[in-house]
Amino acid sequence: MKKYLVLVLVLFFSISIKAQSDFAAGLSGSVNFPNGKFTEYFNVGYGGEAHFLYLFGNSSIFTLSIGYNQFKLDTDAFNKKAEELNLNIKFDVESSFSTIPILVGVKWYFLKQKTSSPYIMIEAGFYNYQFTFSGTATNIDPGGNSIPVEIPEIEEKGTEPILRISAGYIIFLQRHWFIDASVNYSVLTDAFTVAVPDDPEVAETISGTAETLNYLSISAGINYRF
């Protein structure tokens, strides 16, 4: 992953040096809302990004972003799903899913005004992820003889493709400063998540599963144009 990041950075900065007045950089924070299958067990996540922008033409911006996002397991939702499956199991588990996305894309302005402008943006790239899972599963015995079973700790790492589509709004504060707020839809391919086992006898063999996940995010940040 590191060699791809270095290559992208070198290419980007080699372009920006030729026209530094059209180069901008900034930071943003985001609140991430899991969607679909992703929302079944994970809470709202948080993240941040560093942005590097190259302005070309009157209505387009080339973008490079590097970020970090983290999601935590919702243990209550995990146990509620076990109840729905009529499993006499109480889970006491911890799990996190974090990503480092690296994206390149193009941002298009429309209805541009002197002090503000809405835009749409399409980005693609790859994300490095880390998934961890650990804890215990306890068979609920009406007689009171409940014995917790240790679940083998899981840790998965890898790099997979990512796609993001955004709609946002830019507000120009001064000649060099502008605020950027957007709503984003991200698709993660082969992301790791967890699933409640169907058979209580194999609760200790629970493992992660790879599938396509997606989430909505609301982000806002500030940028400086050189």
Protein backbone atom coordinates (compact mmCIF):
# COMPACT_ATOMS: atom_id res chain seq x y z
CA MET A 1 0.00 0.00 0.00
CA LYS A 2 2.80 2.44 0.90
CA LYS A 3 4.38 2.31 -2.54
CA TYR A 4 1.04 3.19 -4.19
CA LEU A 5 0.57 6.11 -1.80
CA VAL A 6 4.05 7.46 -2.55
CA LEU A 7 3.44 7.15 -6.31
CA VAL A 8 0.12 9.03 -6.10
CA LEU A 9 1.66 11.80 -3.98
CA VAL A 10 4.62 12.23 -6.34
CA LEU A 11 2.36 12.51 -9.39
CA PHE A 12 0.04 14.93 -7.67
CA PHE A 13 2.72 17.29 -6.40
CA SER A 14 4.57 17.24 -9.72
CA ILE A 15 1.40 18.63 -11.31
CA SER A 16 0.75 21.19 -8.58
CA ILE A 17 4.26 22.69 -8.74
CA LYS A 18 3.59 23.91 -12.29
CA ALA A 19 0.70 26.09 -11.18
CA GLN A 20 0.84 26.69 -7.45
CA SER A 21 -1.81 29.40 -7.56
CA ASP A 22 -4.26 26.65 -8.51
CA PHE A 23 -3.21 24.35 -5.67
CA ALA A 24 -5.13 24.02 -2.38
CA ALA A 25 -5.02 21.83 0.72
CA GLY A 26 -7.28 21.33 3.71
CA LEU A 27 -8.68 19.21 6.52
CA SER A 28 -12.18 17.92 7.25
CA GLY A 29 -14.04 15.82 9.79
CA SER A 30 -16.97 13.49 9.19
CA VAL A 31 -19.76 11.59 10.89
CA ASN A 32 -20.36 8.22 9.21
CA PHE A 33 -23.71 6.40 9.23
CA PRO A 34 -23.58 2.67 8.37
CA ASN A 35 -26.13 1.63 5.77
CA GLY A 36 -27.79 -1.68 4.87
CA LYS A 37 -25.98 -4.75 6.18
CA PHE A 38 -23.32 -2.56 7.76
CA THR A 39 -25.82 -0.94 10.13
CA GLU A 40 -26.94 -4.28 11.61
CA TYR A 41 -24.18 -4.44 14.21
CA PHE A 42 -22.12 -1.25 13.99
CA ASN A 43 -22.68 2.17 15.54
CA VAL A 44 -22.18 5.56 13.92
CA GLY A 45 -18.51 6.08 13.09
CA TYR A 46 -16.23 9.09 12.93
CA GLY A 47 -13.36 10.08 10.72
CA GLY A 48 -11.18 12.77 9.23
CA GLU A 49 -9.34 13.51 5.98
CA ALA A 50 -6.55 15.58 4.53
CA HIS A 51 -7.33 17.00 1.07
CA PHE A 52 -5.08 18.11 -1.75
CA LEU A 53 -6.75 19.97 -4.60
CA TYR A 54 -5.67 21.09 -8.06
CA LEU A 55 -7.97 23.55 -9.79
CA PHE A 56 -8.19 23.33 -13.56
CA GLY A 57 -10.59 25.24 -15.75
CA ASN A 58 -13.42 27.31 -14.33
CA SER A 59 -15.57 24.49 -13.02
CA SER A 60 -13.38 21.47 -12.19
CA ILE A 61 -11.03 20.38 -9.40
CA PHE A 62 -8.77 17.33 -9.28
CA THR A 63 -8.78 15.89 -5.75
CA LEU A 64 -6.57 13.61 -3.69
CA SER A 65 -7.70 12.66 -0.18
CA ILE A 66 -6.21 10.52 2.59
CA GLY A 67 -8.37 9.74 5.60
CA TYR A 68 -9.09 7.62 8.63
CA ASN A 69 -12.46 6.21 9.75
CA GLN A 70 -13.44 3.96 12.63
CA PHE A 71 -16.63 2.08 13.52
CA LYS A 72 -17.41 0.31 16.82
CA LEU A 73 -19.59 -2.75 17.37
CA ASP A 74 -23.04 -2.21 18.90
CA THR A 75 -23.06 -5.04 21.47
CA ASP A 76 -26.74 -4.52 22.34
CA ALA A 77 -27.76 -4.94 18.70
CA PHE A 78 -25.55 -8.03 18.50
CA ASN A 79 -27.35 -9.66 21.45
CA LYS A 80 -30.75 -8.56 20.16
CA LYS A 81 -30.07 -10.41 16.92
CA ALA A 82 -29.19 -13.52 18.93
CA GLU A 83 -32.56 -13.27 20.70
CA GLU A 84 -34.38 -12.96 17.37
CA LEU A 85 -32.70 -16.20 16.29
CA ASN A 86 -33.83 -17.87 19.56
CA LEU A 87 -30.25 -18.43 20.66
CA ASN A 88 -29.84 -18.77 24.42
CA ILE A 89 -26.55 -16.92 24.31
CA LYS A 90 -25.29 -13.74 25.89
CA PHE A 91 -22.37 -12.14 24.05
CA ASP A 92 -19.82 -9.93 25.75
CA VAL A 93 -17.70 -8.86 22.80
CA GLU A 94 -15.68 -5.99 21.42
CA SER A 95 -15.06 -5.28 17.76
CA SER A 96 -13.82 -2.39 15.67
CA PHE A 97 -13.50 -1.76 11.98
CA SER A 98 -11.15 1.01 10.82
CA THR A 99 -10.20 2.17 7.34
CA ILE A 100 -7.55 4.39 5.77
CA PRO A 101 -9.02 5.42 2.38
CA ILE A 102 -6.85 6.96 -0.35
CA LEU A 103 -8.98 8.45 -3.13
CA VAL A 104 -8.51 10.44 -6.32
CA GLY A 105 -11.37 12.08 -8.14
CA VAL A 106 -12.89 15.08 -9.87
CA LYS A 107 -15.17 17.75 -8.42
CA TRP A 108 -17.48 19.67 -10.78
CA TYR A 109 -18.99 23.05 -9.91
CA PHE A 110 -22.40 24.15 -11.15
CA LEU A 111 -24.42 27.33 -10.56
CA LYS A 112 -21.14 28.92 -9.53
CA GLN A 113 -21.36 32.31 -7.83
CA LYS A 114 -18.79 34.73 -6.53
CA THR A 115 -19.01 33.63 -2.88
CA SER A 116 -20.35 30.07 -3.09
CA SER A 117 -21.01 27.12 -5.36
CA PRO A 118 -22.64 23.67 -5.16
CA TYR A 119 -20.80 20.70 -6.67
CA ILE A 120 -20.84 16.97 -7.33
CA MET A 121 -17.81 14.71 -7.01
CA ILE A 122 -16.81 11.18 -7.99
CA GLU A 123 -13.80 9.47 -6.38
CA ALA A 124 -12.21 6.03 -6.57
CA GLY A 125 -9.20 4.42 -4.97
CA PHE A 126 -8.39 1.88 -2.31
CA TYR A 127 -8.63 1.57 1.45
CA ASN A 128 -6.47 -0.21 3.97
CA TYR A 129 -8.60 -1.82 6.69
CA GLN A 130 -8.20 -3.46 10.10
CA PHE A 131 -10.92 -5.57 11.68
CA THR A 132 -10.70 -6.89 15.26
CA PHE A 133 -13.08 -9.06 17.28
CA SER A 134 -12.78 -10.64 20.75
CA GLY A 135 -14.90 -11.57 23.77
CA THR A 136 -16.97 -14.37 25.30
CA ALA A 137 -20.25 -16.18 24.61
CA THR A 138 -22.26 -17.49 27.56
CA ASN A 139 -24.96 -20.15 27.20
CA ILE A 140 -27.92 -18.97 29.27
CA ASP A 141 -28.91 -21.91 31.50
CA PRO A 142 -32.24 -21.54 33.38
CA GLY A 143 -30.70 -23.66 36.13
CA GLY A 144 -28.02 -21.04 36.70
CA ASN A 145 -25.09 -23.13 35.47
CA SER A 146 -23.94 -20.75 32.76
CA ILE A 147 -20.37 -21.09 31.58
CA PRO A 148 -18.75 -18.42 29.40
CA VAL A 149 -16.90 -19.65 26.34
CA GLU A 150 -13.90 -17.70 25.12
CA ILE A 151 -14.23 -16.63 21.48
CA PRO A 152 -10.92 -16.82 19.59
CA GLU A 153 -9.63 -13.33 18.87
CA ILE A 154 -9.90 -12.27 15.24
CA GLU A 155 -7.75 -9.70 13.47
CA GLU A 156 -7.96 -9.12 9.73
CA LYS A 157 -6.03 -6.63 7.61
CA GLY A 158 -5.98 -5.90 3.90
CA THR A 159 -6.42 -3.45 1.05
CA GLU A 160 -9.49 -3.29 -1.20
CA PRO A 161 -11.09 -0.91 -3.76
CA ILE A 162 -13.43 1.90 -2.68
CA LEU A 163 -15.85 4.18 -4.55
CA ARG A 164 -17.33 7.44 -3.23
CA ILE A 165 -19.96 9.78 -4.69
CA SER A 166 -20.54 13.19 -3.10
CA ALA A 167 -22.67 16.31 -3.35
CA GLY A 168 -21.56 19.41 -1.54
CA TYR A 169 -21.31 23.15 -1.20
CA ILE A 170 -18.32 25.48 -1.12
CA ILE A 171 -18.37 28.86 0.59
CA PHE A 172 -15.51 31.24 -0.19
CA LEU A 173 -14.50 33.20 2.92
CA GLN A 174 -11.57 35.19 1.56
CA ARG A 175 -9.25 35.01 -1.38
CA HIS A 176 -7.36 32.03 0.04
CA TRP A 177 -9.84 30.36 2.42
CA PHE A 178 -13.01 28.39 1.70
CA ILE A 179 -15.31 26.05 3.62
CA ASP A 180 -16.40 22.75 2.07
CA ALA A 181 -19.41 20.76 3.35
CA SER A 182 -20.75 17.61 1.70
CA VAL A 183 -22.87 14.47 1.90
CA ASN A 184 -21.01 11.35 0.75
CA TYR A 185 -21.92 7.78 -0.19
CA SER A 186 -19.04 5.29 0.12
CA VAL A 187 -18.93 1.68 -1.09
CA LEU A 188 -16.34 -0.66 0.44
CA THR A 189 -15.67 -3.91 -1.42
CA ASP A 190 -14.80 -7.07 0.55
CA ALA A 191 -15.05 -5.29 3.91
CA PHE A 192 -15.03 -7.35 7.11
CA THR A 193 -17.98 -7.50 9.47
CA VAL A 194 -19.45 -10.00 11.98
CA ALA A 195 -22.45 -12.32 12.08
CA VAL A 196 -24.31 -14.07 14.89
CA PRO A 197 -23.92 -17.88 14.58
CA ASP A 198 -27.09 -19.87 13.84
CA ASP A 199 -26.04 -22.74 16.08
CA PRO A 200 -25.42 -21.97 19.78
CA GLU A 201 -23.16 -24.99 20.00
CA VAL A 202 -20.60 -23.30 17.75
CA ALA A 203 -20.73 -19.83 19.26
CA GLU A 204 -17.03 -20.07 20.09
CA THR A 205 -16.19 -20.47 16.38
CA ILE A 206 -17.64 -17.11 15.35
CA SER A 207 -15.57 -15.41 12.68
CA GLY A 208 -15.55 -12.37 10.43
CA THR A 209 -17.04 -12.38 6.98
CA ALA A 210 -16.07 -10.33 3.92
CA GLU A 211 -18.78 -8.57 1.94
CA THR A 212 -19.56 -5.25 0.25
CA LEU A 213 -20.53 -2.59 2.78
CA ASN A 214 -21.61 1.02 2.38
CA TYR A 215 -22.21 4.07 4.51
CA LEU A 216 -23.39 7.67 4.30
CA SER A 217 -21.33 10.45 5.80
CA ILE A 218 -21.67 14.16 6.48
CA SER A 219 -18.40 16.05 6.35
CA ALA A 220 -17.23 19.63 6.73
CA GLY A 221 -13.79 21.21 6.58
CA ILE A 222 -11.71 24.18 5.64
CA ASN A 223 -9.26 24.59 2.74
CA TYR A 224 -6.48 27.03 1.89
CA ARG A 225 -5.72 28.00 -1.70
CA PHE A 226 -2.06 28.89 -2.30
